Amino acid sequence: MPAFKIFYRIGMAGEKAVLSHELLKDAFYGISLSANVACFSRTWVSQFINRLGKPFFIDPVSYVFQFPIEQISREGSLKKSFEKLVKIYGEPIISASEGHQITLSDFDDGIITSMITNILNFQRNIARSESNSQKSLFEFGEWLDEEIVEKEPEFLVPPYFWFDTPESEWYDLNIRIMELSKDNFQDIPIYGVLCTNKEVLSNEEWLSKILRDFDFIDGILIWLSDFNEYSLNGRILKTFINFVQQLNREKDAIMMYGSYFSMIASKFGLNGMSQGVGISESKNVTDQPTGGTFSRKYYVPQAKTSVSVANAMSFYAEHPETICRCDICRQNEIHSSDDIYKFFDELTPLKGKIHYCLCRNSELEEIKNNDKDEIESILSSSIEFCEEMINGLYDIPYRHLARWLSAIQ
């Protein structure tokens, strides 16, 4: 089975300190960025991409221009990150940013090709030195004999738009955009985005059409709007597993967003996921695009979910022997509830995010090294632990574990 790829989505400059931390050097595959973040913060983004040296890709976030412009505005004006982006993207995005509701009639092959060229060239060149400060950085690196390589994305992502069914003209537009992207950028992999709602996967006819129509593309990024793996029922989760099983195994299939359940889906054919560092494990297509936050949360490995520090502290104060043993948590000698209080008082948001990434990597290794039956046993053990030790107390949810187990059985 190919290695499952975790791309951490960066939403703010502060997350550089998390993902460049020595403890996480080998704990994740790569990074992803929304195009508006990459555009607005191009200098630090390009420097970080090259210094980190890991694979990356850019989400063009073109879908936002289908919706009312207020979604990406603040106090009546376009957010600054999108102001810069629309100038790069050109028409019909510029008109959409000026209040014209984008429609299918705004597109013809000439407009599509121009838009594709602007968007994919932006992605391709994002890590290349452009400003004098960036050039100085590379010259300084050479003077120190430090190898700094200007990286290209692992793959390019054409502009994409949300559709509610594969019978929609927006769906047809997506396919045409991917076709023209493949025609015009033949020397680098092109990954198309399947941006739709979760109900689409329940229709076998639609599912067959999607599998057929996306087969020519090099890889697929799957974004099922509001696909919250913690709250979905077993039936919907099973349809997702069914979809993953039918994907072409010769092509990468990467979940946009995702949680522990997406990692389990690696046993059925999923190749990766792209999520925030402790956040953004699901997203509704109508949500306002925002940056990351450094909220104080703690990932509870036994329940496979993040909770407030206050709730985690309440639980582990009662059961200090069950605290995580990652390199962040085991730095402290923990034997009693007093040790737990001290630990959480000193747990900074930065450390909490590193703990999250270490847990993710440990979970991924466990999934990789066990077969499906053994993973079912691991989930069963987690459920038993939560029933016995949490049992509805401490406001730590865990009922999703049983739904995940049911979905893969």
Protein backbone atom coordinates (compact mmCIF):
# COMPACT_ATOMS: atom_id res chain seq x y z
CA MET A 1 0.00 0.00 0.00
CA PRO A 2 1.41 3.46 -0.91
CA ALA A 3 2.26 5.69 2.02
CA PHE A 4 -0.69 7.80 3.18
CA LYS A 5 0.12 11.50 2.73
CA ILE A 6 -0.81 14.11 5.32
CA PHE A 7 -0.67 17.64 3.91
CA TYR A 8 -1.12 20.16 6.72
CA ARG A 9 -3.03 23.22 5.53
CA ILE A 10 -1.39 26.45 6.68
CA GLY A 11 -3.72 29.32 7.48
CA MET A 12 -1.42 31.73 9.30
CA ALA A 13 2.28 32.62 9.59
CA GLY A 14 2.48 31.40 13.19
CA GLU A 15 2.02 27.80 12.06
CA LYS A 16 5.50 27.89 10.54
CA ALA A 17 6.88 27.39 14.04
CA VAL A 18 4.76 24.26 14.45
CA LEU A 19 5.56 22.53 11.17
CA SER A 20 9.26 23.43 11.18
CA HIS A 21 9.74 22.11 14.73
CA GLU A 22 12.45 19.47 15.03
CA LEU A 23 10.02 16.98 16.61
CA LEU A 24 7.88 17.02 13.46
CA LYS A 25 10.66 16.65 10.92
CA ASP A 26 9.43 13.23 9.81
CA ALA A 27 5.87 13.40 11.16
CA PHE A 28 4.01 14.56 8.05
CA TYR A 29 4.33 14.44 4.28
CA GLY A 30 3.79 18.01 3.12
CA ILE A 31 1.79 21.22 3.30
CA SER A 32 -1.03 22.92 1.42
CA LEU A 33 -2.11 26.53 1.28
CA SER A 34 -5.18 28.38 0.08
CA ALA A 35 -4.27 30.60 -2.87
CA ASN A 36 -5.38 33.79 -1.12
CA VAL A 37 -3.04 33.07 1.82
CA ALA A 38 -0.18 32.22 -0.54
CA CYS A 39 -0.78 35.34 -2.61
CA PHE A 40 -1.17 37.81 0.27
CA SER A 41 1.84 36.43 2.20
CA ARG A 42 3.96 35.44 -0.76
CA THR A 43 7.36 36.36 0.71
CA TRP A 44 7.15 34.27 3.88
CA VAL A 45 5.19 31.54 2.10
CA SER A 46 7.84 31.04 -0.58
CA GLN A 47 10.66 31.18 1.95
CA PHE A 48 8.92 28.68 4.20
CA ILE A 49 8.14 26.26 1.35
CA ASN A 50 11.76 26.21 0.26
CA ARG A 51 13.27 25.99 3.73
CA LEU A 52 10.86 23.24 4.80
CA GLY A 53 11.71 21.28 1.65
CA LYS A 54 8.56 19.16 1.75
CA PRO A 55 6.00 18.58 -1.03
CA PHE A 56 3.22 21.15 -1.27
CA PHE A 57 0.20 22.17 -3.30
CA ILE A 58 -2.00 25.25 -3.61
CA ASP A 59 -5.80 25.20 -3.35
CA PRO A 60 -7.01 27.80 -5.91
CA VAL A 61 -10.24 28.40 -3.89
CA SER A 62 -11.95 29.53 -7.12
CA TYR A 63 -15.30 28.17 -5.86
CA VAL A 64 -15.73 31.20 -3.57
CA PHE A 65 -16.58 33.37 -6.57
CA GLN A 66 -19.74 31.34 -7.21
CA PHE A 67 -21.24 32.73 -4.03
CA PRO A 68 -22.19 36.26 -2.90
CA ILE A 69 -19.09 38.42 -2.67
CA GLU A 70 -19.93 39.22 0.98
CA GLN A 71 -18.52 35.79 1.83
CA ILE A 72 -14.99 37.10 1.16
CA SER A 73 -15.59 40.73 2.16
CA ARG A 74 -15.17 42.71 5.32
CA GLU A 75 -17.05 45.94 6.03
CA GLY A 76 -18.18 46.17 2.42
CA SER A 77 -14.76 45.68 0.83
CA LEU A 78 -13.06 42.62 -0.57
CA LYS A 79 -10.61 41.09 1.91
CA LYS A 80 -7.06 42.17 1.08
CA SER A 81 -5.85 38.64 0.40
CA PHE A 82 -8.55 38.23 -2.25
CA GLU A 83 -7.92 41.71 -3.68
CA LYS A 84 -4.45 40.60 -4.73
CA LEU A 85 -5.64 37.21 -5.90
CA VAL A 86 -8.32 38.40 -8.34
CA LYS A 87 -5.78 40.58 -10.14
CA ILE A 88 -3.73 37.45 -10.82
CA TYR A 89 -6.69 35.29 -11.80
CA GLY A 90 -8.16 37.71 -14.35
CA GLU A 91 -11.61 37.34 -15.89
CA PRO A 92 -14.26 36.27 -15.08
CA ILE A 93 -12.99 36.35 -11.49
CA ILE A 94 -12.33 40.11 -11.58
CA SER A 95 -15.94 40.80 -12.57
CA ALA A 96 -17.17 38.44 -9.86
CA SER A 97 -15.12 40.36 -7.28
CA GLU A 98 -16.79 43.59 -8.37
CA GLY A 99 -20.26 42.30 -7.56
CA HIS A 100 -21.21 40.45 -10.72
CA GLN A 101 -22.56 37.06 -9.69
CA ILE A 102 -20.51 34.64 -11.77
CA THR A 103 -22.57 32.49 -14.12
CA LEU A 104 -21.90 29.72 -16.61
CA SER A 105 -22.36 32.15 -19.48
CA ASP A 106 -19.18 33.93 -18.34
CA PHE A 107 -17.09 31.00 -19.57
CA ASP A 108 -15.96 29.96 -23.03
CA ASP A 109 -12.83 28.04 -24.00
CA GLY A 110 -10.84 31.25 -24.49
CA ILE A 111 -11.76 32.62 -21.05
CA ILE A 112 -11.20 29.21 -19.43
CA THR A 113 -7.76 28.78 -21.01
CA SER A 114 -6.67 32.28 -19.93
CA MET A 115 -7.93 31.69 -16.37
CA ILE A 116 -6.21 28.29 -16.21
CA THR A 117 -2.92 29.76 -17.42
CA ASN A 118 -3.00 32.55 -14.82
CA ILE A 119 -3.97 30.27 -11.95
CA LEU A 120 -1.64 27.35 -12.67
CA ASN A 121 1.36 29.58 -13.43
CA PHE A 122 0.76 31.34 -10.11
CA GLN A 123 0.84 27.96 -8.33
CA ARG A 124 3.92 26.85 -10.23
CA ASN A 125 5.90 29.99 -9.45
CA ILE A 126 4.81 30.59 -5.85
CA ALA A 127 8.10 29.33 -4.38
CA ARG A 128 10.37 31.07 -6.87
CA SER A 129 12.33 34.14 -5.82
CA GLU A 130 10.63 37.30 -6.96
CA SER A 131 11.36 40.21 -4.65
CA ASN A 132 14.82 41.54 -3.74
CA SER A 133 14.38 40.26 -0.18
CA GLN A 134 13.74 36.75 -1.44
CA LYS A 135 16.76 36.89 -3.76
CA SER A 136 18.91 38.08 -0.87
CA LEU A 137 17.70 35.13 1.19
CA PHE A 138 18.84 32.66 -1.46
CA GLU A 139 22.19 34.41 -1.91
CA PHE A 140 22.70 34.37 1.87
CA GLY A 141 21.88 30.66 1.94
CA GLU A 142 24.49 29.98 -0.75
CA TRP A 143 27.09 32.01 1.18
CA LEU A 144 26.45 29.77 4.22
CA ASP A 145 26.70 26.66 1.99
CA GLU A 146 23.08 25.94 2.89
CA GLU A 147 21.25 24.31 0.01
CA ILE A 148 17.96 26.12 -0.61
CA VAL A 149 16.11 24.73 -3.60
CA GLU A 150 13.23 26.59 -5.21
CA LYS A 151 10.48 23.98 -5.21
CA GLU A 152 7.63 23.35 -7.57
CA PRO A 153 4.27 22.06 -6.32
CA GLU A 154 3.89 18.30 -6.24
CA PHE A 155 0.93 18.83 -8.56
CA LEU A 156 -1.17 21.68 -9.94
CA VAL A 157 -4.83 22.17 -9.06
CA PRO A 158 -7.03 23.72 -11.77
CA PRO A 159 -9.77 26.17 -10.80
CA TYR A 160 -12.90 24.36 -9.65
CA PHE A 161 -16.50 25.10 -8.76
CA TRP A 162 -19.04 23.48 -6.51
CA PHE A 163 -21.82 21.39 -8.05
CA ASP A 164 -24.82 19.75 -6.44
CA THR A 165 -25.17 16.84 -8.91
CA PRO A 166 -23.11 15.46 -11.81
CA GLU A 167 -26.02 16.45 -14.03
CA SER A 168 -25.29 20.11 -13.32
CA GLU A 169 -23.68 22.42 -15.89
CA TRP A 170 -21.21 23.44 -13.18
CA TYR A 171 -20.05 19.81 -13.18
CA ASP A 172 -19.59 19.94 -16.96
CA LEU A 173 -17.58 23.15 -16.55
CA ASN A 174 -15.27 21.44 -14.06
CA ILE A 175 -14.60 18.60 -16.48
CA ARG A 176 -13.87 21.05 -19.30
CA ILE A 177 -11.47 23.02 -17.07
CA MET A 178 -9.60 19.82 -16.21
CA GLU A 179 -9.39 18.80 -19.89
CA LEU A 180 -7.93 22.15 -20.94
CA SER A 181 -5.54 22.09 -17.96
CA LYS A 182 -4.21 18.70 -19.06
CA ASP A 183 -3.85 19.96 -22.64
CA ASN A 184 -1.89 23.08 -21.64
CA PHE A 185 0.23 21.76 -18.75
CA GLN A 186 1.52 18.37 -19.84
CA ASP A 187 4.82 18.32 -17.93
CA ILE A 188 3.45 18.29 -14.38
CA PRO A 189 0.66 16.26 -12.72
CA ILE A 190 -2.81 17.81 -12.70
CA TYR A 191 -5.15 16.96 -9.81
CA GLY A 192 -8.84 17.77 -10.24
CA VAL A 193 -11.13 18.70 -7.35
CA LEU A 194 -14.38 16.86 -6.72
CA CYS A 195 -16.27 19.59 -4.86
CA THR A 196 -19.82 18.48 -4.14
CA ASN A 197 -22.16 17.35 -1.39
CA LYS A 198 -22.01 14.04 0.44
CA GLU A 199 -25.40 12.88 -0.89
CA VAL A 200 -23.92 12.51 -4.38
CA LEU A 201 -22.06 9.39 -3.26
CA SER A 202 -25.35 7.64 -2.41
CA ASN A 203 -26.45 7.63 -6.05
CA GLU A 204 -24.81 4.73 -7.88
CA GLU A 205 -25.49 6.24 -11.32
CA TRP A 206 -23.90 9.54 -10.36
CA LEU A 207 -21.01 7.72 -8.70
CA SER A 208 -20.29 5.75 -11.88
CA LYS A 209 -20.35 8.94 -13.92
CA ILE A 210 -17.87 10.69 -11.61
CA LEU A 211 -15.50 7.73 -11.65
CA ARG A 212 -15.65 7.63 -15.44
CA ASP A 213 -15.32 11.38 -16.02
CA PHE A 214 -12.42 11.88 -13.58
CA ASP A 215 -10.44 8.90 -14.83
CA PHE A 216 -8.26 10.89 -17.27
CA ILE A 217 -6.90 13.19 -14.57
CA ASP A 218 -3.63 12.41 -12.71
CA GLY A 219 -5.14 12.59 -9.25
CA ILE A 220 -8.27 13.66 -7.41
CA LEU A 221 -8.84 15.93 -4.43
CA ILE A 222 -12.12 15.05 -2.73
CA TRP A 223 -14.07 17.80 -0.98
CA LEU A 224 -17.47 16.69 0.27
CA SER A 225 -19.03 19.83 1.71
CA ASP A 226 -19.77 19.57 5.43
CA PHE A 227 -18.49 15.99 5.57
CA ASN A 228 -17.97 16.01 9.32
CA GLU A 229 -16.64 12.55 10.10
CA TYR A 230 -17.42 12.97 13.80
CA SER A 231 -21.15 13.55 13.35
CA LEU A 232 -22.12 11.65 10.18
CA ASN A 233 -24.17 8.50 10.48
CA GLY A 234 -22.84 5.08 9.53
CA ARG A 235 -24.78 4.96 6.26
CA ILE A 236 -23.08 8.06 4.81
CA LEU A 237 -19.68 6.88 6.04
CA LYS A 238 -20.25 3.53 4.31
CA THR A 239 -21.04 5.27 1.00
CA PHE A 240 -17.73 7.11 1.31
CA ILE A 241 -15.86 3.84 1.85
CA ASN A 242 -17.69 2.37 -1.15
CA PHE A 243 -16.62 5.36 -3.27
CA VAL A 244 -12.99 5.09 -2.17
CA GLN A 245 -12.94 1.38 -2.99
CA GLN A 246 -14.01 2.09 -6.56
CA LEU A 247 -11.36 4.74 -7.26
CA ASN A 248 -8.61 4.01 -9.76
CA ARG A 249 -5.76 2.68 -7.62
CA GLU A 250 -3.21 4.05 -10.09
CA LYS A 251 -4.19 7.61 -9.21
CA ASP A 252 -3.78 9.53 -5.99
CA ALA A 253 -7.04 10.21 -4.14
CA ILE A 254 -6.62 12.82 -1.40
CA MET A 255 -9.34 13.95 0.98
CA MET A 256 -9.61 17.71 1.39
CA TYR A 257 -9.91 18.05 5.16
CA GLY A 258 -10.49 14.81 7.11
CA SER A 259 -9.86 13.18 10.48
CA TYR A 260 -8.83 9.79 11.85
CA PHE A 261 -11.60 8.18 9.80
CA SER A 262 -9.97 9.39 6.57
CA MET A 263 -6.76 7.69 7.67
CA ILE A 264 -8.67 4.45 8.22
CA ALA A 265 -9.96 4.85 4.64
CA SER A 266 -6.35 4.32 3.49
CA LYS A 267 -7.09 0.61 3.92
CA PHE A 268 -9.73 0.95 1.20
CA GLY A 269 -7.79 3.08 -1.29
CA LEU A 270 -7.56 6.68 -0.03
CA ASN A 271 -4.02 8.04 -0.45
CA GLY A 272 -3.98 11.13 1.72
CA MET A 273 -5.71 14.09 3.31
CA SER A 274 -5.22 17.82 3.72
CA GLN A 275 -6.33 19.37 7.01
CA GLY A 276 -5.37 22.15 9.36
CA VAL A 277 -3.10 21.65 12.34
CA GLY A 278 -5.68 20.54 14.88
CA ILE A 279 -8.47 22.32 12.98
CA SER A 280 -10.28 22.19 9.62
CA GLU A 281 -11.09 18.50 9.68
CA SER A 282 -14.25 19.32 7.71
CA LYS A 283 -15.62 22.38 5.93
CA ASN A 284 -18.88 23.55 4.41
CA VAL A 285 -18.52 25.12 0.98
CA THR A 286 -20.49 28.18 2.15
CA ASP A 287 -18.26 28.83 5.17
CA GLN A 288 -16.28 32.05 5.06
CA PRO A 289 -12.60 31.38 4.27
CA THR A 290 -10.55 32.14 7.38
CA GLY A 291 -7.02 31.70 8.59
CA GLY A 292 -5.90 29.27 11.28
CA THR A 293 -6.19 30.01 14.98
CA PHE A 294 -3.98 29.19 17.93
CA SER A 295 -6.79 28.14 20.25
CA ARG A 296 -5.93 26.17 23.38
CA LYS A 297 -7.11 22.67 22.61
CA TYR A 298 -5.82 19.23 23.43
CA TYR A 299 -6.11 16.14 21.27
CA VAL A 300 -7.38 13.17 23.29
CA PRO A 301 -5.85 10.10 21.56
CA GLN A 302 -8.26 7.63 23.17
CA ALA A 303 -11.29 9.47 21.71
CA LYS A 304 -9.53 10.56 18.48
CA THR A 305 -10.76 14.13 18.90
CA SER A 306 -9.69 17.56 20.17
CA VAL A 307 -11.37 19.17 23.17
CA SER A 308 -10.85 22.30 25.23
CA VAL A 309 -7.88 22.27 27.57
CA ALA A 310 -10.28 22.65 30.52
CA ASN A 311 -12.17 19.46 29.60
CA ALA A 312 -8.99 17.49 28.91
CA MET A 313 -7.53 18.62 32.23
CA SER A 314 -10.66 17.53 34.10
CA PHE A 315 -10.46 14.05 32.61
CA TYR A 316 -6.73 13.47 32.99
CA ALA A 317 -6.72 14.86 36.55
CA GLU A 318 -8.96 11.90 37.39
CA HIS A 319 -6.90 9.49 35.27
CA PRO A 320 -3.31 10.85 35.13
CA GLU A 321 -1.89 7.45 34.19
CA THR A 322 -3.69 7.63 30.81
CA ILE A 323 -2.08 10.88 29.59
CA CYS A 324 -0.46 10.76 26.15
CA ARG A 325 3.19 9.68 25.97
CA CYS A 326 4.25 11.67 22.92
CA ASP A 327 7.48 13.68 23.05
CA ILE A 328 5.58 16.79 24.17
CA CYS A 329 3.57 15.15 26.94
CA ARG A 330 6.25 12.84 28.34
CA GLN A 331 8.62 15.76 28.94
CA ASN A 332 6.76 16.14 32.21
CA GLU A 333 6.81 13.71 35.12
CA ILE A 334 3.12 12.98 35.61
CA HIS A 335 2.05 10.85 38.55
CA SER A 336 -0.82 12.76 40.16
CA SER A 337 -3.60 15.26 39.51
CA ASP A 338 -1.28 18.09 40.66
CA ASP A 339 1.14 17.09 37.90
CA ILE A 340 -1.73 17.20 35.41
CA TYR A 341 -2.76 20.73 36.47
CA LYS A 342 0.85 21.90 36.14
CA PHE A 343 1.19 20.24 32.73
CA PHE A 344 -1.91 21.89 31.27
CA ASP A 345 -1.06 25.27 32.81
CA GLU A 346 2.23 25.14 30.91
CA LEU A 347 0.78 23.70 27.69
CA THR A 348 1.09 26.50 25.14
CA PRO A 349 -0.97 26.50 21.92
CA LEU A 350 2.27 25.76 20.05
CA LYS A 351 2.95 22.66 22.14
CA GLY A 352 -0.68 21.59 21.82
CA LYS A 353 -0.43 21.68 18.03
CA ILE A 354 2.85 19.76 18.03
CA HIS A 355 1.21 17.15 20.29
CA TYR A 356 -1.65 16.92 17.78
CA CYS A 357 0.73 16.28 14.86
CA LEU A 358 2.72 13.71 16.82
CA CYS A 359 -0.49 11.86 17.69
CA ARG A 360 -1.60 11.96 14.04
CA ASN A 361 1.70 10.47 12.93
CA SER A 362 1.59 7.78 15.59
CA GLU A 363 -1.98 6.88 14.57
CA LEU A 364 -0.99 6.73 10.93
CA GLU A 365 1.89 4.37 11.69
CA GLU A 366 -0.48 2.16 13.68
CA ILE A 367 -2.95 2.05 10.78
CA LYS A 368 -0.19 1.35 8.27
CA ASN A 369 1.21 -1.54 10.30
CA ASN A 370 -2.10 -3.29 10.96
CA ASP A 371 -4.67 -4.90 8.71
CA LYS A 372 -8.36 -4.03 8.67
CA ASP A 373 -9.33 -6.62 11.30
CA GLU A 374 -6.65 -5.32 13.66
CA ILE A 375 -7.82 -1.73 13.13
CA GLU A 376 -11.34 -2.85 14.05
CA SER A 377 -9.88 -4.26 17.28
CA ILE A 378 -8.07 -0.98 17.96
CA LEU A 379 -11.32 0.94 17.54
CA SER A 380 -13.15 -1.54 19.74
CA SER A 381 -10.53 -1.07 22.47
CA SER A 382 -10.86 2.71 22.21
CA ILE A 383 -14.64 2.43 22.55
CA GLU A 384 -14.28 0.20 25.63
CA PHE A 385 -11.81 2.66 27.18
CA CYS A 386 -14.12 5.63 26.58
CA GLU A 387 -17.20 3.78 27.87
CA GLU A 388 -15.39 2.87 31.06
CA MET A 389 -13.32 5.99 31.73
CA ILE A 390 -15.27 8.84 30.12
CA ASN A 391 -18.85 7.50 29.96
CA GLY A 392 -20.54 10.80 29.09
CA LEU A 393 -18.52 12.84 31.59
CA TYR A 394 -15.94 15.60 30.97
CA ASP A 395 -17.66 16.72 27.73
CA ILE A 396 -15.34 14.55 25.62
CA PRO A 397 -17.30 13.09 22.67
CA TYR A 398 -16.54 9.55 21.57
CA ARG A 399 -19.75 8.12 20.04
CA HIS A 400 -18.24 8.69 16.60
CA LEU A 401 -15.88 5.76 17.26
CA ALA A 402 -18.75 3.27 17.10
CA ARG A 403 -20.01 4.81 13.83
CA TRP A 404 -16.52 4.57 12.33
CA LEU A 405 -16.26 0.94 13.40
CA SER A 406 -19.65 0.14 11.87
CA ALA A 407 -18.71 1.82 8.60
CA ILE A 408 -15.61 -0.33 8.02
CA GLN A 409 -17.00 -3.67 9.20
